[in-house]
């Protein structure tokens, strides 16, 4: 742990109801897999979330996926009070109810044009249609990094033409409404529950806006916070920027769940 992280845990233990735990799903609670629909949380993830949701002021899963998909994959329907923020906060699921706006009009336009943009791409390139956004994955391509770099200019141009933004991640570029990110989602939950202690755990470039939001909240003196990076040693494409920004680094989802289980034990 870097300096100050033990102070955050101490503050949480002193006043659990003032604390918010927010975690990403893919790469944090579940290993990264070739097909997003095959992602499953590691053993113990659901149980530790349930334990902490009963003790802390708030527990949230913050994901780029649709909220209902995270709820199904993580099997968290029966955890009272747990929030699942989908589509980077555009959606919120809680106690069985989902709030969600209509998709931005530009997404439908981009969907219609995407086939032409991807003509000639490697056969391993696939599109994940999230309704509120479109994610182009190159993980299955023969040379994923080269393919991603080659597609980036055209995808960025398409996003711009459709009033969207193109956001890069692990072998993926996602076309989504501008200003939609985990930082704004996290700020919303912090304000909603009045959190004064915050732990955020993520693994990808999409988690950096959450780190940015935490830095700003720290600077304002609004919270005591700990940023944690989930970095699986066996995953060669883990973005180094995430670990470089974090206060603490854990060795992937199994280590994340074990650390959270230790936190829950301290609260017992």
Protein backbone atom coordinates (compact mmCIF):
# COMPACT_ATOMS: atom_id res chain seq x y z
CA UNK A 1 0.00 0.00 0.00
CA UNK A 2 1.10 3.55 -0.63
CA UNK A 3 1.11 6.15 2.08
CA UNK A 4 -2.36 7.09 3.30
CA UNK A 5 -4.21 3.91 2.29
CA UNK A 6 -4.19 2.54 5.83
CA UNK A 7 -5.81 5.82 6.95
CA UNK A 8 -8.68 5.20 4.51
CA UNK A 9 -9.32 1.72 5.89
CA UNK A 10 -9.17 3.10 9.43
CA UNK A 11 -11.71 5.81 8.54
CA UNK A 12 -14.00 3.19 7.01
CA UNK A 13 -13.78 0.97 10.07
CA UNK A 14 -14.48 3.93 12.36
CA UNK A 15 -17.67 4.91 10.47
CA UNK A 16 -18.75 2.24 7.97
CA UNK A 17 -22.03 3.96 7.17
CA UNK A 18 -20.16 6.96 5.79
CA UNK A 19 -18.30 4.74 3.30
CA UNK A 20 -18.90 3.88 -0.35
CA UNK A 21 -17.26 0.92 -2.07
CA UNK A 22 -17.40 1.10 -5.88
CA UNK A 23 -15.94 -1.62 -8.11
CA UNK A 24 -15.70 -2.30 -11.81
CA UNK A 25 -16.88 -5.71 -13.08
CA UNK A 26 -14.76 -6.96 -16.00
CA UNK A 27 -11.14 -7.40 -14.96
CA UNK A 28 -11.97 -6.50 -11.35
CA UNK A 29 -14.62 -8.94 -10.12
CA UNK A 30 -14.47 -11.17 -13.22
CA UNK A 31 -11.46 -12.17 -15.35
CA UNK A 32 -11.15 -10.67 -18.82
CA UNK A 33 -12.41 -13.18 -21.41
CA UNK A 34 -12.52 -13.29 -25.20
CA UNK A 35 -16.33 -13.01 -25.34
CA UNK A 36 -17.88 -10.44 -22.95
CA UNK A 37 -21.01 -12.54 -22.57
CA UNK A 38 -18.89 -15.34 -21.05
CA UNK A 39 -17.55 -13.24 -18.15
CA UNK A 40 -18.29 -14.62 -14.70
CA UNK A 41 -17.22 -13.30 -11.28
CA UNK A 42 -14.57 -15.22 -9.38
CA UNK A 43 -15.58 -17.41 -6.46
CA UNK A 44 -16.70 -15.44 -3.44
CA UNK A 45 -17.39 -12.17 -5.29
CA UNK A 46 -21.13 -12.21 -4.77
CA UNK A 47 -20.82 -13.24 -1.13
CA UNK A 48 -18.36 -10.49 -0.23
CA UNK A 49 -20.47 -7.84 -1.98
CA UNK A 50 -23.49 -9.01 0.00
CA UNK A 51 -21.53 -8.88 3.26
CA UNK A 52 -20.26 -5.36 2.60
CA UNK A 53 -23.61 -4.06 1.32
CA UNK A 54 -25.04 -4.87 4.73
CA UNK A 55 -22.37 -2.90 6.58
CA UNK A 56 -21.32 0.09 4.45
CA UNK A 57 -23.21 3.20 3.48
CA UNK A 58 -23.17 2.07 -0.15
CA UNK A 59 -21.78 -0.60 -2.46
CA UNK A 60 -21.87 -0.13 -6.23
CA UNK A 61 -20.71 -1.98 -9.32
CA UNK A 62 -19.79 0.57 -11.99
CA UNK A 63 -19.55 -0.85 -15.51
CA UNK A 64 -19.64 0.02 -19.17
CA UNK A 65 -22.05 -2.87 -19.67
CA UNK A 66 -25.82 -2.62 -19.46
CA UNK A 67 -26.91 -2.70 -15.83
CA UNK A 68 -29.16 -5.74 -16.30
CA UNK A 69 -26.29 -7.68 -17.89
CA UNK A 70 -24.06 -7.03 -14.89
CA UNK A 71 -26.86 -8.00 -12.51
CA UNK A 72 -27.34 -11.28 -14.37
CA UNK A 73 -23.66 -12.17 -14.71
CA UNK A 74 -22.78 -11.19 -11.15
CA UNK A 75 -25.93 -12.83 -9.75
CA UNK A 76 -26.65 -9.95 -7.39
CA UNK A 77 -30.43 -9.67 -7.66
CA UNK A 78 -30.95 -10.61 -4.02
CA UNK A 79 -28.44 -8.18 -2.47
CA UNK A 80 -30.48 -5.39 -0.81
CA UNK A 81 -29.33 -1.85 -1.52
CA UNK A 82 -26.59 -2.78 -3.99
CA UNK A 83 -26.36 -0.33 -6.87
CA UNK A 84 -25.32 -1.38 -10.37
CA UNK A 85 -24.42 1.57 -12.58
CA UNK A 86 -24.50 0.48 -16.21
CA UNK A 87 -23.36 2.23 -19.35
CA UNK A 88 -20.94 4.36 -17.29
CA UNK A 89 -23.75 5.65 -15.10
CA UNK A 90 -26.46 6.23 -17.71
CA UNK A 91 -28.38 3.38 -16.08
CA UNK A 92 -28.87 2.48 -12.44
CA UNK A 93 -30.25 -0.79 -11.08
CA UNK A 94 -31.23 -1.07 -7.44
CA UNK A 95 -33.48 -3.56 -5.66
CA UNK A 96 -34.84 -4.91 -8.93
CA UNK A 97 -35.66 -1.59 -10.59
CA UNK A 98 -33.74 -0.05 -13.49
CA UNK A 99 -33.72 3.61 -14.47
CA UNK A 100 -32.49 4.24 -18.00
CA UNK A 101 -32.78 7.03 -20.58
CA UNK A 102 -33.41 6.40 -24.26
CA UNK A 103 -30.24 5.81 -26.32
CA UNK A 104 -28.68 8.90 -27.86
CA UNK A 105 -29.83 9.34 -31.52
CA UNK A 106 -26.24 9.23 -32.75
CA UNK A 107 -25.89 5.60 -31.66
CA UNK A 108 -28.46 4.44 -34.23
CA UNK A 109 -26.72 6.46 -36.95
CA UNK A 110 -23.34 4.99 -36.03
CA UNK A 111 -24.84 1.48 -35.94
CA UNK A 112 -26.08 1.88 -39.51
CA UNK A 113 -22.69 3.12 -40.76
CA UNK A 114 -20.43 0.81 -38.79
CA UNK A 115 -20.58 -2.08 -41.28
CA UNK A 116 -19.00 0.10 -43.97
CA UNK A 117 -16.32 1.38 -41.57
CA UNK A 118 -15.32 -2.18 -40.66
CA UNK A 119 -15.30 -3.51 -44.21
CA UNK A 120 -11.96 -5.23 -44.75
CA UNK A 121 -11.19 -5.55 -41.03
CA UNK A 122 -9.73 -8.76 -39.63
CA UNK A 123 -12.34 -11.52 -39.26
CA UNK A 124 -11.66 -11.59 -35.52
CA UNK A 125 -12.96 -8.03 -35.03
CA UNK A 126 -16.41 -8.05 -33.42
CA UNK A 127 -18.98 -5.43 -32.49
CA UNK A 128 -20.69 -5.46 -29.11
CA UNK A 129 -23.97 -3.57 -29.40
CA UNK A 130 -24.80 -2.15 -25.97
CA UNK A 131 -27.83 -0.13 -27.22
CA UNK A 132 -26.47 3.03 -25.57
CA UNK A 133 -23.06 2.55 -27.22
CA UNK A 134 -21.17 0.41 -29.72
CA UNK A 135 -17.92 -1.32 -28.75
CA UNK A 136 -15.55 -2.56 -31.44
CA UNK A 137 -13.34 -5.33 -30.03
CA UNK A 138 -10.10 -6.42 -31.69
CA UNK A 139 -9.02 -9.00 -29.08
CA UNK A 140 -9.93 -11.84 -31.46
CA UNK A 141 -7.95 -10.41 -34.39
CA UNK A 142 -4.69 -11.93 -35.58
CA UNK A 143 -2.82 -8.82 -34.43
CA UNK A 144 -5.18 -7.05 -32.00
CA UNK A 145 -3.04 -4.02 -31.22
CA UNK A 146 -2.23 -3.32 -34.87
CA UNK A 147 -5.87 -3.80 -35.84
CA UNK A 148 -7.02 -1.41 -33.11
CA UNK A 149 -4.57 1.27 -34.22
CA UNK A 150 -5.63 0.83 -37.85
CA UNK A 151 -9.33 1.17 -37.10
CA UNK A 152 -8.99 4.06 -34.67
CA UNK A 153 -9.00 6.99 -37.17
CA UNK A 154 -12.12 5.76 -38.98
CA UNK A 155 -13.95 5.02 -35.73
CA UNK A 156 -13.02 8.42 -34.33
CA UNK A 157 -14.32 10.09 -37.50
CA UNK A 158 -17.55 8.10 -37.30
CA UNK A 159 -18.05 9.04 -33.66
CA UNK A 160 -17.47 12.72 -34.43
CA UNK A 161 -19.94 12.63 -37.32
CA UNK A 162 -22.59 11.06 -35.09
CA UNK A 163 -22.13 13.34 -32.09
CA UNK A 164 -20.45 10.61 -30.07
CA UNK A 165 -16.95 10.12 -28.69
CA UNK A 166 -14.56 7.24 -29.39
CA UNK A 167 -13.04 5.94 -26.16
CA UNK A 168 -10.23 3.37 -26.18
CA UNK A 169 -9.83 0.48 -23.75
CA UNK A 170 -8.26 -2.96 -23.73
CA UNK A 171 -8.34 -3.94 -27.41
CA UNK A 172 -11.58 -2.01 -27.78
CA UNK A 173 -12.83 1.33 -29.01
CA UNK A 174 -16.27 2.31 -27.80
CA UNK A 175 -18.53 4.86 -29.47
CA UNK A 176 -20.69 6.46 -26.79
CA UNK A 177 -22.38 9.75 -25.86
CA UNK A 178 -19.89 12.45 -24.81
CA UNK A 179 -19.51 13.18 -21.12
CA UNK A 180 -20.55 9.67 -20.15
CA UNK A 181 -17.90 8.18 -17.89
CA UNK A 182 -17.29 6.50 -14.57
CA UNK A 183 -16.14 9.75 -13.00
CA UNK A 184 -19.53 11.41 -13.37
CA UNK A 185 -21.24 8.18 -12.28
CA UNK A 186 -19.11 7.99 -9.15
CA UNK A 187 -19.69 11.63 -8.24
CA UNK A 188 -23.43 11.04 -8.48
CA UNK A 189 -23.40 8.16 -5.99
CA UNK A 190 -21.05 9.99 -3.60
CA UNK A 191 -23.46 12.92 -3.56
CA UNK A 192 -26.54 10.71 -3.28
CA UNK A 193 -25.39 8.87 -0.15
CA UNK A 194 -23.24 11.66 1.30
CA UNK A 195 -20.14 9.45 1.36
CA UNK A 196 -17.13 10.74 3.26
CA UNK A 197 -14.99 7.63 2.74
CA UNK A 198 -14.56 6.06 -0.69
CA UNK A 199 -12.80 2.99 -2.10
CA UNK A 200 -12.79 2.56 -5.87
CA UNK A 201 -11.40 -0.52 -7.67
CA UNK A 202 -10.88 -0.72 -11.44
CA UNK A 203 -8.62 -2.20 -14.08
CA UNK A 204 -8.94 -0.40 -17.41
CA UNK A 205 -8.61 2.98 -19.08
CA UNK A 206 -12.33 3.53 -18.56
CA UNK A 207 -11.64 3.66 -14.81
CA UNK A 208 -9.27 6.63 -15.08
CA UNK A 209 -12.12 9.20 -15.09
CA UNK A 210 -13.18 7.72 -11.74
CA UNK A 211 -9.65 8.26 -10.46
CA UNK A 212 -9.82 11.84 -11.78
CA UNK A 213 -13.08 12.43 -9.92
CA UNK A 214 -11.54 11.07 -6.73
CA UNK A 215 -8.51 13.34 -7.10
CA UNK A 216 -10.84 16.34 -7.41
CA UNK A 217 -12.92 15.28 -4.39
CA UNK A 218 -9.74 14.80 -2.37
CA UNK A 219 -8.49 18.23 -3.37
CA UNK A 220 -11.76 19.76 -2.19
CA UNK A 221 -11.41 17.94 1.14
CA UNK A 222 -14.74 16.24 0.48
CA UNK A 223 -13.65 12.64 1.02
CA UNK A 224 -11.00 10.29 2.30
CA UNK A 225 -10.38 7.90 -0.57
CA UNK A 226 -8.41 4.90 -1.78
CA UNK A 227 -7.94 4.04 -5.46
CA UNK A 228 -7.14 0.40 -6.22
CA UNK A 229 -5.97 -1.16 -9.50
CA UNK A 230 -6.78 -4.77 -10.35
CA UNK A 231 -3.84 -6.02 -12.43
CA UNK A 232 -3.75 -9.72 -13.30
CA UNK A 233 -0.05 -10.71 -13.65
CA UNK A 234 -1.04 -13.19 -16.37
CA UNK A 235 -2.73 -10.51 -18.49
CA UNK A 236 -0.14 -8.96 -20.83
CA UNK A 237 -2.39 -6.15 -22.05
CA UNK A 238 -3.23 -4.57 -18.68
CA UNK A 239 -2.95 -0.77 -19.21
CA UNK A 240 0.05 0.43 -17.16
CA UNK A 241 -1.57 3.84 -16.64
CA UNK A 242 -4.15 2.35 -14.26
CA UNK A 243 -1.61 0.83 -11.88
CA UNK A 244 0.51 3.99 -12.11
CA UNK A 245 -2.42 6.12 -10.90
CA UNK A 246 -3.65 3.82 -8.13
CA UNK A 247 -2.83 4.02 -4.43
CA UNK A 248 -2.74 0.22 -4.26
CA UNK A 249 -2.38 -2.61 -6.80
CA UNK A 250 -3.93 -6.07 -6.42
CA UNK A 251 -3.16 -9.12 -8.56
CA UNK A 252 -6.45 -9.43 -10.45
CA UNK A 253 -10.01 -10.39 -9.50
CA UNK A 254 -9.15 -13.24 -7.12
CA UNK A 255 -6.89 -10.91 -5.13
CA UNK A 256 -9.54 -8.17 -5.20
CA UNK A 257 -12.18 -10.47 -3.72
CA UNK A 258 -9.73 -11.77 -1.11
CA UNK A 259 -8.88 -8.20 -0.06
CA UNK A 260 -12.55 -7.28 0.15
CA UNK A 261 -13.20 -10.41 2.19
CA UNK A 262 -10.54 -9.26 4.63
CA UNK A 263 -12.23 -5.88 4.86
CA UNK A 264 -15.57 -7.54 5.55
CA UNK A 265 -13.99 -9.66 8.26
CA UNK A 266 -12.67 -6.54 9.98
CA UNK A 267 -16.20 -5.15 10.00
CA UNK A 268 -17.70 -8.27 11.60
